[in-house]
Structures are given as C-alpha cells and as structure tokens.
C-alpha cells in the first residue's frame, strides 16, 4: 500500500512533466473504466481567467451553510496537494488519498494510459466525492475549459467568471481564442452565468441552446463581483437546492487563501495570487480603494511563461518599492529572468529567498504608512505564509473577512 509521502513523490514527478492533454480521451476512458463517478452527484462547473477559485469557494460555502454535503475541487494548491479535494471544506485525508492514488496508478498501467497530473487529480476527486456520497460538487477548471479534464461533467449550471490574457501558449493568442476555450464548458440546456466583464455577445454564440445570464454588478472590490456571480449561479439551482438568505450572506463572505488576504505584522500585509495582467490590474485598483494614502511595497514572484512585462508595467505604476523572488518550485521563474521586465531600478531589490525578502521588507520603514503586498505565482505563497508564521502550512484554509467586506443585500427572498 502506498503511503502519502510516496503519493507526493508521484505527484511531483507528474507535475515536472507538465503539459496539458488537448483531448478528453484519457479522462473519458478513465471515467468509463470506473463506471462514471462524475455522474454520481450533481455538479456546478466554474471557469475563468481570474476569480474562479473564489467563486467556487463561495458557492460551496453557501451550500454547506445550508446543510448540504458539498464536494469542492480546485487548483492549484498552495501548500498541500490535499487542498484540491475537499468535502465541507475539509481536505481529503492522507489515509484516503493514498489508496485511491495507488488504485488509479494501477489502472493507468493496466490500460496503458499516460495521464497528466491534472487528469489523475480530477479522477481522484470524482471517485472520492462518489465514495463519500456528496450531495453536490463544485468543480473548477484547471486551464481553459474545452479540453480541460473536468469538462466531462454535465453540470446543473456553468459559470465563466472572467476572460483575460493568460495561458496564451495553450489557449491561443487572442481574447477570442481564450473565450472560445472557456465557452467549452457551456452545456446544452443548462444555464450559464457570466461575470460582468465577459462579453455577452461573444458568449451568446456558444449558448444558443442554453440560458445565458450575466452579472451586472461591478465594483472596485473584485470580491464583491465574485459574490454576485456566485449568488447568480446559486439562484439557477434554487429549485433543487433551496437556500435561506442568512446562509447565502454568510457563505458569500468565504474566500480561498491568498485572495486579498490581510495580516498585521510590523506592517499590514496583503497576500494575493494575482498572477497575470488582469489579476494585477484588479489588485492595483483595489489597493488604493482599501488603503488610500499609503505606499505599496511589493514582493513578487512569477511562474514561467507568464507575461511578466505586462505585470511589471502595472506594478511599477503604483509600487513604492519592489522585491523580486524566485523559489525552488520547477515552474517558478528565477530573479534573473524576472528582473529585466522592471525598468525602474530605484527601490528594486533582488532577493535570495522569500524569507529574506519578507525580513527586509518588514524591516524597512517609510515616512508614509506602508502596505506590504506579496503577489504573483501560487508557487511562492507557501513560503510567504511560512515566513510570516501564518497557520499550519499544511492546511491554508479558507477565511472570512466580514469586517472589511459587507455582504450585498439580496432582499428577503429565499434562493
């Protein structure tokens, strides 16, 4: 029997191989072998360049507040692979994941299927949710939608949160290419909810046989927009999954870790996985909205293949100082690869580690109140949390911010 440490070794090996299978043949075949675990419970499917993890978490939290048994599948993880697969926000246990992973590995060998990490993780989630008899599962796409391994489900409702430039090497160089890939999760007869920045006229081309509903709520605080998108998605399933206003209001305040997550040390610190131009643009709108008359000191690291030049340009418009970090993860860009994208060399620091960057940043005082923003790749966040002494790094759970983000009022009607 495999132990969890062996699972982690296998996961690391698969992650180093990387890549995306531009076909659903593997996951369809695997689902057939296991008698379609993805059909054992109703689902909600969420795609988008940014915001999809937050919307998934909010939807799942609302359903859980109402008392439903809810599966949640998201990616990537921050500290533990187990974060990706949760039931009622509890991560899959080590003793559950190891035998399932071993069984899937055996099936792959017998069927001679060379699967990607994401295909394996997706099947594992399907099987775990079936085994634990969830009443509904909220499923986040990994990349795009059309060829994403999650796109074998037949959801009650599909959600597309936003469309922006990211993963162009896989999805295509234009917003039309990216939008077309994400529109691949639209299913005949099932309603699709789209965020306020998504082009209705473009998505309408792919939703000819499906109701298309757009959120009209826009706000400087992108979490408020995510709340409204999640609320609309839940309203589409109210006949099957009714919900009280109080459960809705509380659940919508849930956030995954590192989404404008605030902590107080020597300075106030924001952790945010803005990792592309669209994400940084939203972050840099929200900062002065929440923290006017402050300096913004950034610690940033990027995954390879991102448009670092675009992100650097946006950061330099608002940042008082920037600390550049790399890391041990094989998908992280090095400081030497990041540095040329930053044209302003004053108050630009090359750091040997994220821990050293945090120590230096917290130790530098300015006359003006200062906010420290740690942003960029998911793959720097574990070290960031560790350096700040935040939580058990094996389980960065969702968090609530009720004091800073008031729930939107939806009236007295029940969903």
Protein backbone atom coordinates (compact mmCIF):
# COMPACT_ATOMS: atom_id res chain seq x y z
CA UNK A 1 0.00 0.00 0.00
CA UNK A 2 1.36 3.40 -0.92
CA UNK A 3 1.90 5.94 1.83
CA UNK A 4 1.17 9.61 1.45
CA UNK A 5 4.85 10.51 1.07
CA UNK A 6 5.02 8.20 -1.95
CA UNK A 7 1.93 9.90 -3.37
CA UNK A 8 3.69 13.26 -3.06
CA UNK A 9 6.71 11.88 -4.90
CA UNK A 10 4.47 10.67 -7.71
CA UNK A 11 2.63 13.98 -7.82
CA UNK A 12 5.92 15.87 -8.00
CA UNK A 13 7.07 13.62 -10.85
CA UNK A 14 3.87 14.22 -12.79
CA UNK A 15 3.99 17.97 -12.16
CA UNK A 16 7.53 18.17 -13.55
CA UNK A 17 6.29 16.54 -16.75
CA UNK A 18 3.68 19.33 -17.01
CA UNK A 19 1.68 19.78 -20.16
CA UNK A 20 -2.00 19.67 -21.00
CA UNK A 21 -3.75 16.98 -22.96
CA UNK A 22 -5.72 18.74 -25.71
CA UNK A 23 -8.21 15.90 -25.73
CA UNK A 24 -10.72 14.44 -23.31
CA UNK A 25 -9.95 10.89 -24.43
CA UNK A 26 -7.95 9.94 -21.32
CA UNK A 27 -10.41 11.22 -18.75
CA UNK A 28 -13.41 9.85 -20.68
CA UNK A 29 -11.82 6.42 -20.84
CA UNK A 30 -10.93 6.51 -17.15
CA UNK A 31 -14.46 7.58 -16.20
CA UNK A 32 -15.82 4.68 -18.26
CA UNK A 33 -13.49 2.23 -16.51
CA UNK A 34 -14.79 3.44 -13.14
CA UNK A 35 -18.44 3.44 -14.26
CA UNK A 36 -18.73 7.21 -14.42
CA UNK A 37 -18.19 8.53 -10.90
CA UNK A 38 -18.62 12.09 -12.27
CA UNK A 39 -22.32 11.32 -12.80
CA UNK A 40 -22.97 10.11 -9.25
CA UNK A 41 -23.91 13.59 -7.98
CA UNK A 42 -24.99 16.95 -9.44
CA UNK A 43 -22.27 19.47 -10.19
CA UNK A 44 -21.57 23.15 -10.77
CA UNK A 45 -18.76 23.93 -13.24
CA UNK A 46 -16.67 27.13 -12.99
CA UNK A 47 -14.12 28.52 -15.46
CA UNK A 48 -12.45 31.92 -15.86
CA UNK A 49 -9.11 33.66 -16.15
CA UNK A 50 -9.43 35.08 -12.64
CA UNK A 51 -11.94 34.67 -9.85
CA UNK A 52 -12.95 31.08 -10.48
CA UNK A 53 -11.39 29.72 -7.28
CA UNK A 54 -13.10 32.40 -5.21
CA UNK A 55 -16.47 31.83 -6.87
CA UNK A 56 -16.16 28.06 -6.34
CA UNK A 57 -15.36 28.57 -2.67
CA UNK A 58 -18.27 30.96 -2.16
CA UNK A 59 -20.75 28.63 -3.87
CA UNK A 60 -19.54 25.64 -1.85
CA UNK A 61 -19.59 27.61 1.42
CA UNK A 62 -23.18 28.77 0.81
CA UNK A 63 -24.36 25.24 0.11
CA UNK A 64 -22.53 23.95 3.17
CA UNK A 65 -24.08 26.65 5.37
CA UNK A 66 -27.48 25.41 4.25
CA UNK A 67 -26.56 21.91 5.39
CA UNK A 68 -25.78 20.18 2.10
CA UNK A 69 -22.83 17.81 1.86
CA UNK A 70 -20.58 19.57 -0.67
CA UNK A 71 -17.56 18.45 -2.65
CA UNK A 72 -15.11 21.13 -3.78
CA UNK A 73 -12.39 20.59 -6.38
CA UNK A 74 -9.97 23.46 -7.05
CA UNK A 75 -6.42 24.01 -8.27
CA UNK A 76 -3.59 24.67 -7.99
CA UNK A 77 -2.81 24.13 -4.32
CA UNK A 78 -0.72 26.43 -2.16
CA UNK A 79 0.86 24.17 0.44
CA UNK A 80 -0.67 20.71 0.21
CA UNK A 81 -1.95 18.64 -2.69
CA UNK A 82 -4.81 17.68 -0.39
CA UNK A 83 -6.19 21.23 -0.61
CA UNK A 84 -7.51 20.49 -4.08
CA UNK A 85 -10.12 17.99 -2.92
CA UNK A 86 -12.44 18.90 -0.03
CA UNK A 87 -15.79 17.90 1.40
CA UNK A 88 -17.46 20.55 3.52
CA UNK A 89 -14.14 22.42 3.35
CA UNK A 90 -12.24 19.55 4.98
CA UNK A 91 -9.26 18.41 2.92
CA UNK A 92 -9.12 14.81 1.79
CA UNK A 93 -7.25 12.81 4.44
CA UNK A 94 -3.86 11.23 3.81
CA UNK A 95 -5.29 7.81 4.57
CA UNK A 96 -7.96 8.38 1.90
CA UNK A 97 -5.76 9.78 -0.83
CA UNK A 98 -3.02 7.15 -0.78
CA UNK A 99 -5.12 4.04 -1.65
CA UNK A 100 -7.14 5.95 -4.24
CA UNK A 101 -3.96 7.21 -5.89
CA UNK A 102 -2.48 3.71 -5.88
CA UNK A 103 -5.63 2.26 -7.45
CA UNK A 104 -5.64 4.90 -10.19
CA UNK A 105 -1.93 4.31 -10.87
CA UNK A 106 -2.60 0.60 -11.27
CA UNK A 107 -5.47 1.32 -13.67
CA UNK A 108 -3.27 3.63 -15.73
CA UNK A 109 -0.63 0.91 -16.04
CA UNK A 110 -3.12 -1.79 -16.96
CA UNK A 111 -4.93 0.39 -19.50
CA UNK A 112 -1.65 1.85 -20.78
CA UNK A 113 -2.87 5.41 -20.33
CA UNK A 114 -0.27 8.12 -19.90
CA UNK A 115 -2.23 10.67 -17.89
CA UNK A 116 -1.30 14.16 -16.75
CA UNK A 117 -1.26 15.21 -13.11
CA UNK A 118 -4.49 17.14 -13.58
CA UNK A 119 -6.26 14.17 -15.17
CA UNK A 120 -5.22 11.96 -12.25
CA UNK A 121 -6.26 14.58 -9.68
CA UNK A 122 -9.62 15.10 -11.41
CA UNK A 123 -10.43 11.39 -11.46
CA UNK A 124 -9.35 11.12 -7.83
CA UNK A 125 -11.77 13.90 -6.89
CA UNK A 126 -14.62 12.27 -8.81
CA UNK A 127 -14.03 8.95 -7.07
CA UNK A 128 -13.67 10.49 -3.61
CA UNK A 129 -16.86 12.51 -3.93
CA UNK A 130 -18.70 9.40 -5.07
CA UNK A 131 -17.31 7.32 -2.21
CA UNK A 132 -18.29 9.92 0.38
CA UNK A 133 -21.73 10.45 -1.17
CA UNK A 134 -21.68 14.20 -1.59
CA UNK A 135 -25.00 15.81 -2.44
CA UNK A 136 -23.41 18.24 -4.90
CA UNK A 137 -19.89 19.09 -6.08
CA UNK A 138 -18.41 22.40 -7.21
CA UNK A 139 -15.76 21.80 -9.87
CA UNK A 140 -13.17 24.35 -11.01
CA UNK A 141 -11.49 24.00 -14.38
CA UNK A 142 -7.73 23.82 -14.36
CA UNK A 143 -6.97 25.59 -17.63
CA UNK A 144 -9.40 26.89 -20.23
CA UNK A 145 -12.47 24.69 -20.39
CA UNK A 146 -12.99 22.94 -23.72
CA UNK A 147 -10.14 20.46 -23.30
CA UNK A 148 -9.95 20.64 -19.53
CA UNK A 149 -10.19 17.26 -17.82
CA UNK A 150 -13.13 18.47 -15.74
CA UNK A 151 -15.18 19.02 -18.89
CA UNK A 152 -16.70 15.54 -18.80
CA UNK A 153 -19.30 16.60 -16.25
CA UNK A 154 -22.86 17.64 -17.10
CA UNK A 155 -23.40 20.48 -14.64
CA UNK A 156 -26.61 21.98 -13.35
CA UNK A 157 -25.10 25.38 -14.13
CA UNK A 158 -21.86 26.58 -15.74
CA UNK A 159 -20.05 29.74 -14.64
CA UNK A 160 -17.47 31.83 -16.54
CA UNK A 161 -16.10 34.47 -14.19
CA UNK A 162 -13.79 36.47 -16.45
CA UNK A 163 -11.75 36.36 -19.65
CA UNK A 164 -8.26 37.83 -19.84
CA UNK A 165 -4.85 37.17 -21.28
CA UNK A 166 -3.29 34.11 -19.66
CA UNK A 167 -2.01 30.72 -20.82
CA UNK A 168 -1.85 32.04 -24.39
CA UNK A 169 0.68 29.34 -25.27
CA UNK A 170 -2.08 26.77 -24.75
CA UNK A 171 -5.36 28.62 -25.29
CA UNK A 172 -4.30 30.93 -28.11
CA UNK A 173 -3.01 34.49 -28.50
CA UNK A 174 -6.30 36.41 -28.65
CA UNK A 175 -9.16 37.02 -26.24
CA UNK A 176 -11.42 35.31 -28.77
CA UNK A 177 -9.28 32.16 -28.58
CA UNK A 178 -9.28 32.26 -24.79
CA UNK A 179 -13.02 32.96 -24.63
CA UNK A 180 -13.75 30.12 -27.05
CA UNK A 181 -11.81 27.71 -24.82
CA UNK A 182 -13.70 28.79 -21.71
CA UNK A 183 -17.03 28.69 -23.52
CA UNK A 184 -16.38 24.97 -23.97
CA UNK A 185 -17.95 24.32 -20.56
CA UNK A 186 -21.35 25.60 -21.74
CA UNK A 187 -23.72 22.63 -21.92
CA UNK A 188 -26.94 22.30 -23.85
CA UNK A 189 -29.97 23.06 -21.70
CA UNK A 190 -28.00 24.09 -18.61
CA UNK A 191 -27.87 27.79 -17.70
CA UNK A 192 -24.56 29.64 -17.89
CA UNK A 193 -23.71 32.59 -15.63
CA UNK A 194 -21.01 35.01 -16.80
CA UNK A 195 -19.16 37.73 -14.91
CA UNK A 196 -19.67 41.44 -15.61
CA UNK A 197 -16.54 41.79 -17.75
CA UNK A 198 -17.30 38.83 -20.02
CA UNK A 199 -18.65 39.75 -23.45
CA UNK A 200 -22.32 38.71 -23.58
CA UNK A 201 -22.48 38.93 -27.37
CA UNK A 202 -19.46 36.66 -27.72
CA UNK A 203 -20.70 34.03 -25.27
CA UNK A 204 -24.17 34.13 -26.78
CA UNK A 205 -22.74 32.43 -29.87
CA UNK A 206 -21.97 29.35 -27.77
CA UNK A 207 -25.14 29.36 -25.66
CA UNK A 208 -27.78 29.11 -28.37
CA UNK A 209 -29.50 26.21 -26.59
CA UNK A 210 -28.75 27.36 -23.05
CA UNK A 211 -29.95 30.29 -20.92
CA UNK A 212 -27.19 32.91 -20.59
CA UNK A 213 -27.29 35.18 -17.53
CA UNK A 214 -24.80 37.99 -16.90
CA UNK A 215 -23.99 39.66 -13.62
CA UNK A 216 -24.48 43.40 -13.92
CA UNK A 217 -22.71 44.12 -10.62
CA UNK A 218 -19.37 45.90 -10.94
CA UNK A 219 -17.26 47.19 -8.08
CA UNK A 220 -13.72 48.35 -7.37
CA UNK A 221 -13.55 45.46 -4.91
CA UNK A 222 -13.40 42.36 -7.09
CA UNK A 223 -14.56 40.14 -4.22
CA UNK A 224 -17.93 41.88 -4.33
CA UNK A 225 -18.18 40.98 -8.01
CA UNK A 226 -17.33 37.37 -7.20
CA UNK A 227 -20.07 37.37 -4.56
CA UNK A 228 -22.67 38.43 -7.09
CA UNK A 229 -21.52 35.90 -9.68
CA UNK A 230 -21.76 33.13 -7.08
CA UNK A 231 -25.20 34.35 -5.99
CA UNK A 232 -26.49 34.25 -9.55
CA UNK A 233 -25.17 30.72 -10.03
CA UNK A 234 -26.94 29.56 -6.87
CA UNK A 235 -30.18 31.21 -7.99
CA UNK A 236 -30.11 28.95 -11.07
CA UNK A 237 -30.38 25.81 -8.90
CA UNK A 238 -32.75 27.09 -6.21
CA UNK A 239 -35.48 24.58 -7.14
CA UNK A 240 -33.15 21.65 -6.40
CA UNK A 241 -31.03 23.32 -3.72
CA UNK A 242 -33.07 26.00 -1.91
CA UNK A 243 -31.18 28.35 0.37
CA UNK A 244 -32.00 30.90 3.06
CA UNK A 245 -30.78 34.48 2.84
CA UNK A 246 -28.74 34.08 6.04
CA UNK A 247 -26.84 31.04 4.70
CA UNK A 248 -26.30 32.85 1.43
CA UNK A 249 -25.00 36.01 3.12
CA UNK A 250 -22.53 34.13 5.32
CA UNK A 251 -21.30 31.76 2.63
CA UNK A 252 -20.61 34.55 0.15
CA UNK A 253 -18.03 36.02 2.53
CA UNK A 254 -15.86 32.91 2.26
CA UNK A 255 -12.55 33.25 0.40
CA UNK A 256 -9.76 30.88 -0.51
CA UNK A 257 -6.39 31.76 0.96
CA UNK A 258 -4.26 34.43 -0.70
CA UNK A 259 -7.06 36.41 -2.30
CA UNK A 260 -6.50 39.90 -0.93
CA UNK A 261 -5.84 38.18 2.40
CA UNK A 262 -4.87 40.64 5.12
CA UNK A 263 -2.49 40.13 8.07
CA UNK A 264 -0.88 42.52 10.54
CA UNK A 265 2.81 42.26 11.42
CA UNK A 266 5.16 45.27 11.56
CA UNK A 267 3.18 46.43 8.54
CA UNK A 268 -0.19 45.39 7.18
CA UNK A 269 0.41 42.60 4.66
CA UNK A 270 -1.73 41.53 1.73
CA UNK A 271 -1.32 38.09 0.15
CA UNK A 272 -2.80 37.81 -3.33
CA UNK A 273 -2.34 35.32 -6.16
CA UNK A 274 -2.67 37.94 -8.88
CA UNK A 275 -0.54 36.12 -11.43
CA UNK A 276 -1.43 37.73 -14.76
CA UNK A 277 -2.13 41.18 -16.15
CA UNK A 278 -5.86 41.01 -15.49
CA UNK A 279 -5.30 39.91 -11.89
CA UNK A 280 -2.72 42.61 -11.19
CA UNK A 281 -4.92 45.28 -12.75
CA UNK A 282 -7.74 44.34 -10.37
CA UNK A 283 -5.38 44.15 -7.39
CA UNK A 284 -3.97 47.60 -8.16
CA UNK A 285 -7.47 49.06 -8.36
CA UNK A 286 -8.42 47.53 -5.04
CA UNK A 287 -5.33 48.64 -3.11
CA UNK A 288 -5.97 52.42 -3.18
CA UNK A 289 -9.69 51.73 -2.72
CA UNK A 290 -8.99 49.86 0.53
CA UNK A 291 -5.78 51.64 1.55
CA UNK A 292 -5.68 55.25 0.31
CA UNK A 293 -2.68 57.46 1.17
CA UNK A 294 -0.34 54.50 1.62
CA UNK A 295 2.89 53.40 -0.02
CA UNK A 296 2.76 49.94 -1.58
CA UNK A 297 5.81 47.71 -1.22
CA UNK A 298 5.62 44.57 -3.36
CA UNK A 299 7.24 41.16 -3.05
CA UNK A 300 6.61 39.39 -6.36
CA UNK A 301 7.45 36.08 -8.00
CA UNK A 302 6.16 34.68 -11.27
CA UNK A 303 5.63 31.34 -12.92
CA UNK A 304 7.47 30.68 -16.14
CA UNK A 305 5.57 31.52 -19.29
CA UNK A 306 3.61 34.42 -17.81
CA UNK A 307 3.57 37.87 -19.41
CA UNK A 308 5.91 39.29 -16.78
CA UNK A 309 6.47 42.52 -18.75
CA UNK A 310 2.76 43.39 -18.58
CA UNK A 311 2.59 42.65 -14.86
CA UNK A 312 5.81 44.59 -14.17
CA UNK A 313 4.49 47.65 -16.00
CA UNK A 314 1.31 47.63 -13.91
CA UNK A 315 3.20 47.14 -10.66
CA UNK A 316 5.67 49.94 -11.37
CA UNK A 317 2.83 52.43 -11.83
CA UNK A 318 1.77 52.05 -8.19
CA UNK A 319 4.67 50.47 -6.27
CA UNK A 320 6.93 52.44 -3.95
CA UNK A 321 9.39 49.52 -3.91
CA UNK A 322 9.59 46.03 -5.42
CA UNK A 323 11.37 42.91 -4.09
CA UNK A 324 11.90 40.14 -6.66
CA UNK A 325 11.90 36.49 -5.59
CA UNK A 326 12.30 33.10 -7.22
CA UNK A 327 11.93 29.76 -5.48
CA UNK A 328 12.53 26.03 -5.58
CA UNK A 329 9.39 25.10 -7.49
CA UNK A 330 10.36 23.97 -11.02
CA UNK A 331 7.70 26.19 -12.59
CA UNK A 332 8.92 29.41 -10.95
CA UNK A 333 10.92 31.95 -12.96
CA UNK A 334 14.25 33.00 -11.46
CA UNK A 335 15.04 36.51 -10.26
CA UNK A 336 17.39 36.90 -13.24
CA UNK A 337 14.51 36.04 -15.57
CA UNK A 338 12.13 38.48 -13.85
CA UNK A 339 14.42 41.48 -13.35
CA UNK A 340 14.70 42.71 -16.99
CA UNK A 341 10.93 43.28 -17.09
CA UNK A 342 11.24 46.01 -14.43
CA UNK A 343 12.53 49.24 -15.94
CA UNK A 344 12.63 51.34 -12.77
CA UNK A 345 15.75 50.28 -10.89
CA UNK A 346 15.30 52.58 -7.89
CA UNK A 347 13.91 50.66 -4.89
CA UNK A 348 14.17 47.40 -6.84
CA UNK A 349 15.59 44.58 -4.74
CA UNK A 350 16.82 41.16 -5.85
CA UNK A 351 16.24 38.71 -3.02
CA UNK A 352 17.94 35.37 -2.39
CA UNK A 353 14.81 33.89 -0.80
CA UNK A 354 11.26 34.81 0.02
CA UNK A 355 12.04 34.64 3.73
CA UNK A 356 14.83 37.18 3.29
CA UNK A 357 12.53 39.38 1.21
CA UNK A 358 9.93 39.39 3.98
CA UNK A 359 12.55 40.19 6.64
CA UNK A 360 13.97 43.06 4.60
CA UNK A 361 10.58 44.45 3.62
CA UNK A 362 9.25 44.41 7.17
CA UNK A 363 12.44 45.99 8.47
CA UNK A 364 12.39 49.00 6.14
CA UNK A 365 10.44 51.95 7.47
CA UNK A 366 8.99 54.79 5.42
CA UNK A 367 7.56 58.12 6.50
CA UNK A 368 4.25 57.29 4.88
CA UNK A 369 2.04 54.39 6.07
CA UNK A 370 3.05 51.33 4.06
CA UNK A 371 1.28 48.19 2.89
CA UNK A 372 3.34 45.12 2.02
CA UNK A 373 1.83 43.19 -0.90
CA UNK A 374 3.06 39.65 -1.61
CA UNK A 375 1.68 38.72 -5.00
CA UNK A 376 2.19 36.62 -8.12
CA UNK A 377 2.50 32.90 -8.57
CA UNK A 378 0.64 30.40 -6.40
CA UNK A 379 4.03 28.73 -6.02
CA UNK A 380 5.51 31.47 -3.80
CA UNK A 381 2.63 31.54 -1.34
CA UNK A 382 3.60 28.58 0.81
CA UNK A 383 6.97 30.15 1.55
CA UNK A 384 5.30 33.53 2.12
CA UNK A 385 2.91 32.10 4.68
CA UNK A 386 5.72 30.21 6.35
CA UNK A 387 7.90 33.33 6.54
CA UNK A 388 5.03 35.25 8.14
CA UNK A 389 4.18 32.44 10.58
CA UNK A 390 0.64 32.15 9.21
CA UNK A 391 -1.32 28.98 10.01
CA UNK A 392 -0.23 25.42 9.71
CA UNK A 393 1.41 25.47 6.24
CA UNK A 394 -0.11 22.07 5.51
CA UNK A 395 -3.62 23.49 5.55
CA UNK A 396 -4.12 27.09 4.43
CA UNK A 397 -7.89 27.00 4.77
CA UNK A 398 -10.48 29.42 3.51
CA UNK A 399 -11.00 32.56 5.52
CA UNK A 400 -13.74 35.11 6.12
CA UNK A 401 -13.40 38.90 6.06
CA UNK A 402 -16.77 40.08 7.42
CA UNK A 403 -15.43 43.32 8.91
CA UNK A 404 -13.95 44.64 5.68
CA UNK A 405 -16.39 43.31 3.11
CA UNK A 406 -20.04 43.76 3.94
CA UNK A 407 -22.40 41.25 2.35
CA UNK A 408 -24.51 42.50 -0.52
CA UNK A 409 -28.16 42.83 0.38
CA UNK A 410 -30.38 40.50 -1.64
CA UNK A 411 -33.74 41.22 -0.07
CA UNK A 412 -35.85 38.79 1.88
CA UNK A 413 -36.47 36.25 -0.85
CA UNK A 414 -35.12 32.76 -0.39
CA UNK A 415 -32.94 31.18 -3.06
